[in-house]
């Protein structure tokens, strides 16, 4: 593609304002040749368009094309029927016949054993729970003892600090005003 170049508009004023010599007939003829319209070449397209070279109407051509495709499809279907042989499996009998139920004899009913209760590990579970509760109680007691010790130590430290302040003079930052 050619790049576009901007040129000033060749208006009538520009021609009248020129101070150069008048142009000869040859120059004018060359200028006329340049001014003639030149079309850009057509772009090469990938798709080809169908041109109706014959004088048959389009609807008749479309009908002929339709008939040709239908014949081609029919040939393909016929060939596939010839090559593939399909054999269906029979339906299983269980779909239309119920299975016979076998009844147990009366003697087997007498042999049945009474159901046993499930084995529950209640005793071992109770022991585990008791151990867990004891451990949790010990942890809580230790925690409360640690908290009490911390509070007691803090009170003792505050009392000791108060005693020291009461003994020192006001100039030194104490509470004694002697």
Protein backbone atom coordinates (compact mmCIF):
# COMPACT_ATOMS: atom_id res chain seq x y z
CA UNK A 1 0.00 0.00 0.00
CA UNK A 2 1.09 3.52 -0.67
CA UNK A 3 1.33 5.91 2.24
CA UNK A 4 -0.81 9.00 2.18
CA UNK A 5 0.98 12.32 1.77
CA UNK A 6 -0.76 15.54 2.67
CA UNK A 7 -0.59 18.19 -0.06
CA UNK A 8 -2.05 21.69 -0.04
CA UNK A 9 -5.36 22.15 -1.77
CA UNK A 10 -4.78 23.32 -5.36
CA UNK A 11 -7.27 26.19 -5.31
CA UNK A 12 -7.58 29.06 -7.80
CA UNK A 13 -5.80 31.54 -5.50
CA UNK A 14 -2.60 29.54 -5.47
CA UNK A 15 -2.39 29.56 -9.24
CA UNK A 16 -2.97 33.31 -9.45
CA UNK A 17 -0.44 34.06 -6.73
CA UNK A 18 2.51 32.39 -8.46
CA UNK A 19 5.23 34.80 -9.49
CA UNK A 20 7.07 32.35 -11.71
CA UNK A 21 7.12 32.41 -15.51
CA UNK A 22 4.07 31.20 -17.42
CA UNK A 23 4.10 27.48 -18.13
CA UNK A 24 4.59 26.12 -21.62
CA UNK A 25 2.06 23.90 -23.37
CA UNK A 26 4.19 20.82 -22.72
CA UNK A 27 4.28 21.50 -19.00
CA UNK A 28 0.54 22.04 -18.96
CA UNK A 29 -0.02 18.77 -20.81
CA UNK A 30 2.20 16.90 -18.32
CA UNK A 31 0.29 18.47 -15.47
CA UNK A 32 -2.99 17.34 -17.00
CA UNK A 33 -1.68 13.79 -17.31
CA UNK A 34 -0.72 13.83 -13.63
CA UNK A 35 -4.13 15.09 -12.60
CA UNK A 36 -5.95 12.23 -14.31
CA UNK A 37 -7.55 9.72 -11.97
CA UNK A 38 -5.66 6.53 -11.27
CA UNK A 39 -7.46 3.78 -9.38
CA UNK A 40 -5.67 1.60 -6.87
CA UNK A 41 -5.32 -2.05 -7.83
CA UNK A 42 -7.92 -4.42 -6.43
CA UNK A 43 -6.82 -6.28 -3.31
CA UNK A 44 -6.23 -9.97 -3.73
CA UNK A 45 -8.97 -11.75 -1.84
CA UNK A 46 -8.86 -15.25 -0.48
CA UNK A 47 -12.45 -16.12 -1.25
CA UNK A 48 -13.58 -16.46 -4.81
CA UNK A 49 -16.97 -15.19 -5.82
CA UNK A 50 -19.13 -17.17 -8.18
CA UNK A 51 -19.98 -15.38 -11.37
CA UNK A 52 -22.99 -16.40 -13.38
CA UNK A 53 -21.41 -16.90 -16.83
CA UNK A 54 -24.47 -18.65 -18.20
CA UNK A 55 -27.80 -17.02 -18.69
CA UNK A 56 -29.68 -19.40 -16.36
CA UNK A 57 -31.47 -17.70 -13.45
CA UNK A 58 -30.05 -18.09 -9.98
CA UNK A 59 -33.04 -19.94 -8.50
CA UNK A 60 -32.66 -22.70 -11.09
CA UNK A 61 -28.95 -23.04 -10.32
CA UNK A 62 -29.75 -23.24 -6.62
CA UNK A 63 -32.30 -25.97 -7.25
CA UNK A 64 -29.78 -27.94 -9.32
CA UNK A 65 -27.17 -27.55 -6.57
CA UNK A 66 -29.70 -28.78 -3.99
CA UNK A 67 -30.50 -31.86 -6.06
CA UNK A 68 -26.81 -32.65 -6.47
CA UNK A 69 -26.15 -32.45 -2.73
CA UNK A 70 -29.18 -34.62 -1.95
CA UNK A 71 -27.92 -37.27 -4.40
CA UNK A 72 -24.46 -37.14 -2.82
CA UNK A 73 -25.94 -37.59 0.67
CA UNK A 74 -28.08 -40.51 -0.52
CA UNK A 75 -25.01 -42.21 -2.01
CA UNK A 76 -23.13 -41.84 1.27
CA UNK A 77 -26.06 -43.32 3.22
CA UNK A 78 -26.35 -46.25 0.80
CA UNK A 79 -22.62 -46.99 1.05
CA UNK A 80 -22.72 -46.89 4.84
CA UNK A 81 -25.65 -49.37 4.91
CA UNK A 82 -23.72 -51.77 2.74
CA UNK A 83 -20.55 -51.70 4.81
CA UNK A 84 -21.96 -51.76 8.36
CA UNK A 85 -24.13 -54.60 9.56
CA UNK A 86 -25.97 -53.83 12.76
CA UNK A 87 -27.16 -56.59 15.03
CA UNK A 88 -29.18 -55.68 18.10
CA UNK A 89 -28.76 -57.60 21.31
CA UNK A 90 -31.87 -59.18 22.75
CA UNK A 91 -33.50 -57.55 25.77
CA UNK A 92 -32.60 -59.36 29.00
CA UNK A 93 -35.36 -61.46 30.53
CA UNK A 94 -35.22 -59.52 33.78
CA UNK A 95 -36.99 -56.61 32.11
CA UNK A 96 -40.18 -58.53 31.43
CA UNK A 97 -40.01 -61.54 33.82
CA UNK A 98 -39.92 -61.23 37.59
CA UNK A 99 -37.38 -63.28 39.48
CA UNK A 100 -38.88 -66.11 41.48
CA UNK A 101 -38.82 -65.64 45.25
CA UNK A 102 -37.62 -68.65 47.20
CA UNK A 103 -39.46 -69.13 50.48
CA UNK A 104 -37.62 -70.55 53.43
CA UNK A 105 -38.93 -73.66 55.05
CA UNK A 106 -40.62 -73.45 58.45
CA UNK A 107 -37.79 -75.33 60.13
CA UNK A 108 -35.31 -72.52 59.40
CA UNK A 109 -37.51 -70.02 61.27
CA UNK A 110 -37.09 -72.03 64.47
CA UNK A 111 -33.29 -72.00 64.04
CA UNK A 112 -33.02 -68.20 64.08
CA UNK A 113 -31.07 -66.76 66.98
CA UNK A 114 -32.34 -63.90 69.07
CA UNK A 115 -30.49 -60.66 68.30
CA UNK A 116 -27.74 -59.68 70.69
CA UNK A 117 -27.35 -56.14 71.89
CA UNK A 118 -24.42 -54.30 70.36
CA UNK A 119 -21.21 -54.16 72.32
CA UNK A 120 -20.98 -50.73 73.78
CA UNK A 121 -17.75 -49.67 75.41
CA UNK A 122 -19.53 -47.77 78.16
CA UNK A 123 -17.18 -48.78 80.96
CA UNK A 124 -13.96 -47.93 79.09
CA UNK A 125 -15.49 -44.69 77.81
CA UNK A 126 -16.51 -43.72 81.36
CA UNK A 127 -12.97 -44.34 82.61
CA UNK A 128 -11.48 -42.25 79.80
CA UNK A 129 -13.90 -39.41 80.57
CA UNK A 130 -13.06 -39.57 84.29
CA UNK A 131 -9.32 -39.33 83.53
CA UNK A 132 -9.93 -36.42 81.17
CA UNK A 133 -12.04 -34.56 83.74
CA UNK A 134 -9.41 -35.08 86.46
CA UNK A 135 -6.65 -33.77 84.20
CA UNK A 136 -8.76 -30.72 83.22
CA UNK A 137 -9.52 -30.01 86.93
CA UNK A 138 -5.80 -30.18 87.79
CA UNK A 139 -4.97 -27.76 84.97
CA UNK A 140 -7.64 -25.32 86.16
CA UNK A 141 -6.35 -25.49 89.76
CA UNK A 142 -2.78 -24.86 88.65
CA UNK A 143 -3.91 -21.92 86.54
CA UNK A 144 -5.78 -20.33 89.44
CA UNK A 145 -2.76 -20.85 91.73
CA UNK A 146 -0.44 -19.16 89.24
CA UNK A 147 -2.84 -16.21 88.94
CA UNK A 148 -3.13 -15.90 92.74
CA UNK A 149 0.68 -15.97 93.11
CA UNK A 150 1.09 -13.26 90.50
CA UNK A 151 -1.52 -11.04 92.21
CA UNK A 152 0.06 -11.61 95.64
CA UNK A 153 3.56 -10.76 94.34
CA UNK A 154 2.23 -7.64 92.64
CA UNK A 155 0.55 -6.45 95.87
CA UNK A 156 3.73 -7.11 97.87
CA UNK A 157 5.80 -5.19 95.33
CA UNK A 158 3.37 -2.23 95.43
CA UNK A 159 3.40 -2.19 99.26
CA UNK A 160 7.21 -2.32 99.31
CA UNK A 161 7.39 0.53 96.80
CA UNK A 162 4.95 2.60 98.89
CA UNK A 163 7.06 2.05 102.02
CA UNK A 164 10.19 3.18 100.19
CA UNK A 165 8.44 6.34 98.95
CA UNK A 166 7.17 7.18 102.41
CA UNK A 167 10.71 6.95 103.80
CA UNK A 168 12.34 9.16 101.15
CA UNK A 169 12.10 12.98 101.23
CA UNK A 170 10.01 15.09 98.87
CA UNK A 171 13.11 16.54 97.17
CA UNK A 172 14.18 13.03 96.20
CA UNK A 173 10.70 12.18 94.84
CA UNK A 174 9.33 10.58 98.00
CA UNK A 175 6.34 11.29 100.20
CA UNK A 176 8.13 12.37 103.39
CA UNK A 177 7.69 16.13 104.02
CA UNK A 178 10.14 16.74 106.96
